[in-house]
C-alpha atoms as a PDB file:
ATOM      1  CA  MET A   1      91.390  76.716 119.591  1.00  0.00           C
ATOM      2  CA  ALA A   2      87.434  77.147 119.538  1.00  0.00           C
ATOM      3  CA  ARG A   3      85.207  74.855 117.732  1.00  0.00           C
ATOM      4  CA  ILE A   4      83.832  75.842 114.396  1.00  0.00           C
ATOM      5  CA  PRO A   5      79.989  75.224 114.834  1.00  0.00           C
ATOM      6  CA  ASN A   6      78.481  72.642 112.449  1.00  0.00           C
ATOM      7  CA  PRO A   7      75.493  73.971 110.257  1.00  0.00           C
ATOM      8  CA  VAL A   8      71.995  73.312 112.111  1.00  0.00           C
ATOM      9  CA  ARG A   9      70.011  70.747 109.478  1.00  0.00           C
ATOM     10  CA  THR A  10      66.284  70.569 109.667  1.00  0.00           C
ATOM     11  CA  ARG A  11      64.148  68.238 107.434  1.00  0.00           C
ATOM     12  CA  LYS A  12      60.270  68.617 106.792  1.00  0.00           C
ATOM     13  CA  ASP A  13      58.082  67.248 104.105  1.00  0.00           C
ATOM     14  CA  GLY A  14      61.200  65.886 102.563  1.00  0.00           C
ATOM     15  CA  VAL A  15      62.720  69.106 102.135  1.00  0.00           C
ATOM     16  CA  GLU A  16      66.406  69.612 104.183  1.00  0.00           C
ATOM     17  CA  VAL A  17      67.021  73.166 105.205  1.00  0.00           C
ATOM     18  CA  VAL A  18      70.393  74.051 106.285  1.00  0.00           C
ATOM     19  CA  SER A  19      71.102  77.198 108.419  1.00  0.00           C
ATOM     20  CA  SER A  20      74.606  78.476 108.973  1.00  0.00           C
ATOM     21  CA  VAL A  21      73.615  81.034 110.958  1.00  0.00           C
ATOM     22  CA  ASP A  22      76.070  79.793 114.022  1.00  0.00           C
ATOM     23  CA  LYS A  23      78.840  79.550 111.886  1.00  0.00           C
ATOM     24  CA  ALA A  24      78.301  83.040 110.537  1.00  0.00           C
ATOM     25  CA  LYS A  25      78.064  84.114 114.137  1.00  0.00           C
ATOM     26  CA  PHE A  26      81.691  82.197 114.971  1.00  0.00           C
ATOM     27  CA  THR A  27      83.206  83.886 112.320  1.00  0.00           C
ATOM     28  CA  LEU A  28      82.336  87.228 112.886  1.00  0.00           C
ATOM     29  CA  HIS A  29      83.337  86.896 116.231  1.00  0.00           C
ATOM     30  CA  GLU A  30      86.583  85.579 115.348  1.00  0.00           C
ATOM     31  CA  LEU A  31      87.283  88.263 112.984  1.00  0.00           C
ATOM     32  CA  ILE A  32      86.536  90.815 115.420  1.00  0.00           C
ATOM     33  CA  ARG A  33      89.081  89.301 117.826  1.00  0.00           C
ATOM     34  CA  ALA A  34      91.676  89.359 115.466  1.00  0.00           C
ATOM     35  CA  ALA A  35      90.943  93.049 114.406  1.00  0.00           C
ATOM     36  CA  ASN A  36      91.156  93.643 118.365  1.00  0.00           C
ATOM     37  CA  ARG A  37      94.609  91.773 118.409  1.00  0.00           C
ATOM     38  CA  ALA A  38      95.940  93.483 115.704  1.00  0.00           C
ATOM     39  CA  THR A  39      94.936  97.172 116.857  1.00  0.00           C
ATOM     40  CA  GLY A  40      96.426  96.430 120.344  1.00  0.00           C
ATOM     41  CA  ALA A  41      99.818  95.146 118.888  1.00  0.00           C
ATOM     42  CA  HIS A  42      99.881  98.307 116.789  1.00  0.00           C
ATOM     43  CA  LEU A  43      99.256 100.677 119.603  1.00  0.00           C
ATOM     44  CA  ARG A  44     101.571  98.973 122.074  1.00  0.00           C
ATOM     45  CA  ARG A  45     104.178  99.497 119.400  1.00  0.00           C
ATOM     46  CA  ARG A  46     103.587 103.331 119.119  1.00  0.00           C
ATOM     47  CA  MET A  47     103.045 103.558 122.987  1.00  0.00           C
ATOM     48  CA  LEU A  48     106.320 102.183 123.161  1.00  0.00           C
ATOM     49  CA  ARG A  49     108.052 104.525 120.545  1.00  0.00           C
ATOM     50  CA  GLU A  50     106.484 107.524 122.659  1.00  0.00           C
ATOM     51  CA  ALA A  51     107.725 106.333 125.971  1.00  0.00           C
ATOM     52  CA  ARG A  52     111.246 105.800 124.848  1.00  0.00           C
ATOM     53  CA  LYS A  53     111.376 109.530 123.914  1.00  0.00           C
ATOM     54  CA  MET A  54     111.210 110.367 127.659  1.00  0.00           C
ATOM     55  CA  PRO A  55     114.407 110.884 129.393  1.00  0.00           C
ATOM     56  CA  GLY A  56     116.383 107.986 130.394  1.00  0.00           C
ATOM     57  CA  MET A  57     114.401 105.414 128.814  1.00  0.00           C
ATOM     58  CA  ARG A  58     115.738 104.836 125.472  1.00  0.00           C
ATOM     59  CA  LYS A  59     117.824 101.715 126.937  1.00  0.00           C
ATOM     60  CA  ASN A  60     115.439 100.657 129.538  1.00  0.00           C
ATOM     61  CA  ARG A  61     114.670  97.037 129.234  1.00  0.00           C
ATOM     62  CA  ARG A  62     111.738  96.911 131.582  1.00  0.00           C
ATOM     63  CA  LEU A  63     109.891  99.382 129.292  1.00  0.00           C
ATOM     64  CA  GLY A  64     109.023  96.774 126.621  1.00  0.00           C
ATOM     65  CA  ALA A  65     107.115  94.875 129.380  1.00  0.00           C
ATOM     66  CA  ALA A  66     105.627  97.866 130.675  1.00  0.00           C
ATOM     67  CA  PHE A  67     102.308  98.685 128.290  1.00  0.00           C
ATOM     68  CA  GLN A  68      99.892  95.654 127.162  1.00  0.00           C
ATOM     69  CA  TYR A  69      96.756  95.121 125.852  1.00  0.00           C
ATOM     70  CA  TRP A  70      94.094  92.223 126.284  1.00  0.00           C
ATOM     71  CA  ALA A  71      91.869  91.179 123.364  1.00  0.00           C
ATOM     72  CA  ARG A  72      89.212  89.522 125.824  1.00  0.00           C
ATOM     73  CA  ARG A  73      87.134  86.726 124.149  1.00  0.00           C
ATOM     74  CA  ARG A  74      84.055  86.922 126.016  1.00  0.00           C
ATOM     75  CA  GLU A  75      83.367  90.519 125.856  1.00  0.00           C
ATOM     76  CA  THR A  76      85.007  91.077 122.578  1.00  0.00           C
ATOM     77  CA  ASP A  77      86.623  94.165 123.442  1.00  0.00           C
ATOM     78  CA  LEU A  78      90.396  95.481 123.495  1.00  0.00           C
ATOM     79  CA  VAL A  79      91.770  96.686 126.897  1.00  0.00           C
ATOM     80  CA  ILE A  80      94.906  98.563 126.758  1.00  0.00           C
ATOM     81  CA  GLY A  81      97.132  99.562 129.951  1.00  0.00           C
ATOM     82  CA  SER A  82     100.316  99.474 131.569  1.00  0.00           C
ATOM     83  CA  LYS A  83     101.270  96.921 134.528  1.00  0.00           C
ATOM     84  CA  HIS A  84     100.083  97.686 138.031  1.00  0.00           C
ATOM     85  CA  GLY A  85     101.875  99.841 140.219  1.00  0.00           C
ATOM     86  CA  THR A  86     104.904 100.769 138.192  1.00  0.00           C
ATOM     87  CA  TRP A  87     106.652 103.989 138.136  1.00  0.00           C
ATOM     88  CA  TYR A  88     107.012 104.131 134.427  1.00  0.00           C
ATOM     89  CA  GLY A  89     103.468 103.109 133.497  1.00  0.00           C
ATOM     90  CA  SER A  90     100.840 104.647 135.834  1.00  0.00           C
ATOM     91  CA  GLY A  91     102.613 106.772 137.727  1.00  0.00           C
ATOM     92  CA  GLN A  92     103.228 108.722 134.495  1.00  0.00           C
ATOM     93  CA  GLU A  93     100.040 108.280 132.776  1.00  0.00           C
ATOM     94  CA  LEU A  94      97.970 109.767 135.740  1.00  0.00           C
ATOM     95  CA  GLY A  95     100.546 111.840 137.242  1.00  0.00           C
ATOM     96  CA  THR A  96     101.916 111.638 140.750  1.00  0.00           C
ATOM     97  CA  LYS A  97     103.211 114.153 143.175  1.00  0.00           C
ATOM     98  CA  ASN A  98     106.934 113.306 141.978  1.00  0.00           C
ATOM     99  CA  GLN A  99     105.849 112.732 138.429  1.00  0.00           C
ATOM    100  CA  PRO A 100     103.965 114.975 136.059  1.00  0.00           C
ATOM    101  CA  LYS A 101     100.997 113.746 133.759  1.00  0.00           C
ATOM    102  CA  ARG A 102     102.420 112.608 130.820  1.00  0.00           C
ATOM    103  CA  GLY A 103      99.199 110.499 129.409  1.00  0.00           C
ATOM    104  CA  ILE A 104     101.134 108.116 127.092  1.00  0.00           C
ATOM    105  CA  ILE A 105      98.489 105.780 126.279  1.00  0.00           C
ATOM    106  CA  ARG A 106      95.850 108.350 126.507  1.00  0.00           C
ATOM    107  CA  SER A 107      97.672 110.208 123.750  1.00  0.00           C
ATOM    108  CA  THR A 108      98.825 107.413 121.522  1.00  0.00           C
ATOM    109  CA  VAL A 109      95.293 106.390 121.224  1.00  0.00           C
ATOM    110  CA  MET A 110      93.792 109.695 120.028  1.00  0.00           C
ATOM    111  CA  ALA A 111      96.498 110.335 117.581  1.00  0.00           C
ATOM    112  CA  GLU A 112      96.130 106.970 116.246  1.00  0.00           C
ATOM    113  CA  THR A 113      92.260 107.100 115.405  1.00  0.00           C
ATOM    114  CA  ASP A 114      92.669 106.763 112.067  1.00  0.00           C
ATOM    115  CA  ALA A 115      95.074 103.883 111.921  1.00  0.00           C
ATOM    116  CA  ILE A 116      93.025 102.137 114.175  1.00  0.00           C
ATOM    117  CA  ARG A 117      89.852 102.440 111.778  1.00  0.00           C
ATOM    118  CA  LYS A 118      91.983 101.321 109.162  1.00  0.00           C
ATOM    119  CA  ILE A 119      92.958  97.996 110.721  1.00  0.00           C
ATOM    120  CA  GLN A 120      89.546  97.482 111.924  1.00  0.00           C
ATOM    121  CA  GLY A 121      88.460  98.279 108.420  1.00  0.00           C
ATOM    122  CA  GLN A 122      90.524  95.642 106.902  1.00  0.00           C
ATOM    123  CA  PHE A 123      89.188  92.641 108.968  1.00  0.00           C
ATOM    124  CA  ILE A 124      85.405  93.953 108.424  1.00  0.00           C
ATOM    125  CA  SER A 125      86.166  93.982 104.704  1.00  0.00           C
ATOM    126  CA  ALA A 126      86.959  90.540 104.582  1.00  0.00           C
ATOM    127  CA  ILE A 127      83.413  89.827 105.209  1.00  0.00           C
ATOM    128  CA  GLU A 128      82.321  91.874 102.272  1.00  0.00           C
ATOM    129  CA  ASP A 129      84.315  90.468 100.038  1.00  0.00           C
ATOM    130  CA  ASP A 130      83.493  86.779 100.662  1.00  0.00           C
ATOM    131  CA  ASN A 131      79.727  87.768 100.527  1.00  0.00           C
ATOM    132  CA  ARG A 132      80.282  89.089  96.877  1.00  0.00           C
ATOM    133  CA  ALA A 133      82.345  86.395  96.222  1.00  0.00           C
ATOM    134  CA  ARG A 134      79.402  83.921  97.402  1.00  0.00           C
ATOM    135  CA  ALA A 135      77.078  86.125  95.272  1.00  0.00           C
ATOM    136  CA  GLU A 136      78.758  85.645  92.102  1.00  0.00           C
ATOM    137  CA  ILE A 137      79.496  82.035  92.199  1.00  0.00           C
ATOM    138  CA  ASP A 138      75.809  81.160  93.158  1.00  0.00           C
ATOM    139  CA  THR A 139      75.283  78.241  90.881  1.00  0.00           C
ATOM    140  CA  GLU A 140      71.600  77.462  92.255  1.00  0.00           C
ATOM    141  CA  ASN A 141      70.450  80.845  90.463  1.00  0.00           C
ATOM    142  CA  GLU A 142      71.814  80.091  87.169  1.00  0.00           C
ATOM    143  CA  GLY A 143      69.252  81.143  84.571  1.00  0.00           C
ATOM    144  CA  ASP A 144      67.273  83.441  86.570  1.00  0.00           C
ATOM    145  CA  ASN A 145      68.315  86.694  85.271  1.00  0.00           C
ATOM    146  CA  ASP A 146      67.993  85.373  81.452  1.00  0.00           C
ATOM    147  CA  GLU A 147      66.041  88.088  79.464  1.00  0.00           C
ATOM    148  CA  ASN A 148      64.956  85.260  76.880  1.00  0.00           C
ATOM    149  CA  ASP A 149      63.024  83.445  79.405  1.00  0.00           C
END
């Protein structure tokens, strides 16, 4: 579990300034990672569903481990693929002399573009909701908008 950064406090002439930029960056980074994990899990389920439609793959036990996703921490990106050197993974995705090109990963990602945007939007809108709530609860500016001043 990553450590949430503490806010930076600066004191000058009796005034204390608190900067939570690092905490906001951390929150944004973690929301992006969570969105990538949710997107990867969704796409993996869809790829397995498509792969099970192929002849002889309906009850294959090894197929469940064929497709994987990696939501990388430092790069904050999502990598989707199949295990290295498997006949049911890369051989059927790219095609070989014995296997036709089926393109399960590519076709699934292209077909699920709207679902990907919806999943990613759920995590990004959480930031918007948080900001709206904080703006409405702002207690320091009470009375600034009074018309009778």
